Amino acid sequence: MEESLSARLTQMQQRLDNMTHQRNEMRSRESLAKATDVLDRIDSHSAGGVDAIFER
């Protein structure tokens, strides 16, 4: 019985480690997506300013 509980506990720990890793990956992806969005907005504003300069 102890072996069964020990094996189950090991499985649970592995699952917890896996879920923690997945959560961290999702947080990293979210941060990357937010940063990309900010950079895209900055680029779109900058591009408009450059176009306006060349039109003058």
C-alpha atoms as a PDB file:
ATOM      1  CA  MET A   1       0.000   0.000   0.000  1.00  0.00           C
ATOM      2  CA  GLU A   2       2.852   2.384   0.801  1.00  0.00           C
ATOM      3  CA  GLU A   3       4.381   1.780  -2.601  1.00  0.00           C
ATOM      4  CA  SER A   4       1.078   2.601  -4.265  1.00  0.00           C
ATOM      5  CA  LEU A   5       0.739   5.840  -2.326  1.00  0.00           C
ATOM      6  CA  SER A   6       4.351   6.738  -3.014  1.00  0.00           C
ATOM      7  CA  ALA A   7       3.887   6.141  -6.747  1.00  0.00           C
ATOM      8  CA  ARG A   8       0.679   8.177  -6.747  1.00  0.00           C
ATOM      9  CA  LEU A   9       2.401  11.011  -4.887  1.00  0.00           C
ATOM     10  CA  THR A  10       5.244  10.971  -7.415  1.00  0.00           C
ATOM     11  CA  GLN A  11       2.716  11.152 -10.275  1.00  0.00           C
ATOM     12  CA  MET A  12       0.943  14.053  -8.620  1.00  0.00           C
ATOM     13  CA  GLN A  13       4.231  15.913  -8.124  1.00  0.00           C
ATOM     14  CA  GLN A  14       5.172  15.382 -11.768  1.00  0.00           C
ATOM     15  CA  ARG A  15       1.758  16.641 -12.868  1.00  0.00           C
ATOM     16  CA  LEU A  16       2.106  19.694 -10.627  1.00  0.00           C
ATOM     17  CA  ASP A  17       5.566  20.417 -12.061  1.00  0.00           C
ATOM     18  CA  ASN A  18       4.191  20.068 -15.588  1.00  0.00           C
ATOM     19  CA  MET A  19       1.276  22.412 -14.889  1.00  0.00           C
ATOM     20  CA  THR A  20       3.612  24.965 -13.294  1.00  0.00           C
ATOM     21  CA  HIS A  21       5.819  24.857 -16.379  1.00  0.00           C
ATOM     22  CA  GLN A  22       2.779  25.304 -18.658  1.00  0.00           C
ATOM     23  CA  ARG A  23       1.570  28.256 -16.587  1.00  0.00           C
ATOM     24  CA  ASN A  24       4.970  29.917 -16.855  1.00  0.00           C
ATOM     25  CA  GLU A  25       5.010  29.363 -20.625  1.00  0.00           C
ATOM     26  CA  MET A  26       1.565  30.924 -20.957  1.00  0.00           C
ATOM     27  CA  ARG A  27       2.644  33.938 -18.906  1.00  0.00           C
ATOM     28  CA  SER A  28       5.697  34.347 -21.137  1.00  0.00           C
ATOM     29  CA  ARG A  29       3.540  34.144 -24.258  1.00  0.00           C
ATOM     30  CA  GLU A  30       1.127  36.692 -22.837  1.00  0.00           C
ATOM     31  CA  SER A  31       3.982  39.078 -22.017  1.00  0.00           C
ATOM     32  CA  LEU A  32       5.395  38.650 -25.515  1.00  0.00           C
ATOM     33  CA  ALA A  33       1.995  39.306 -27.076  1.00  0.00           C
ATOM     34  CA  LYS A  34       1.539  42.477 -25.021  1.00  0.00           C
ATOM     35  CA  ALA A  35       5.020  43.728 -25.897  1.00  0.00           C
ATOM     36  CA  THR A  36       4.441  42.996 -29.586  1.00  0.00           C
ATOM     37  CA  ASP A  37       1.154  44.897 -29.461  1.00  0.00           C
ATOM     38  CA  VAL A  38       2.835  47.924 -27.883  1.00  0.00           C
ATOM     39  CA  LEU A  39       5.630  47.868 -30.457  1.00  0.00           C
ATOM     40  CA  ASP A  40       3.110  47.582 -33.290  1.00  0.00           C
ATOM     41  CA  ARG A  41       1.218  50.605 -31.969  1.00  0.00           C
ATOM     42  CA  ILE A  42       4.444  52.592 -31.632  1.00  0.00           C
ATOM     43  CA  ASP A  43       5.512  51.626 -35.155  1.00  0.00           C
ATOM     44  CA  SER A  44       2.157  52.627 -36.626  1.00  0.00           C
ATOM     45  CA  HIS A  45       2.366  56.067 -34.987  1.00  0.00           C
ATOM     46  CA  SER A  46       5.991  56.515 -36.031  1.00  0.00           C
ATOM     47  CA  ALA A  47       5.294  55.507 -39.614  1.00  0.00           C
ATOM     48  CA  GLY A  48       2.564  58.129 -39.871  1.00  0.00           C
ATOM     49  CA  GLY A  49       4.962  60.771 -38.638  1.00  0.00           C
ATOM     50  CA  VAL A  50       7.635  59.811 -41.158  1.00  0.00           C
ATOM     51  CA  ASP A  51       5.117  59.839 -44.018  1.00  0.00           C
ATOM     52  CA  ALA A  52       3.957  63.296 -42.975  1.00  0.00           C
ATOM     53  CA  ILE A  53       7.537  64.592 -43.036  1.00  0.00           C
ATOM     54  CA  PHE A  54       8.105  63.291 -46.558  1.00  0.00           C
ATOM     55  CA  GLU A  55       4.820  64.796 -47.767  1.00  0.00           C
ATOM     56  CA  ARG A  56       5.998  68.263 -46.725  1.00  0.00           C
END
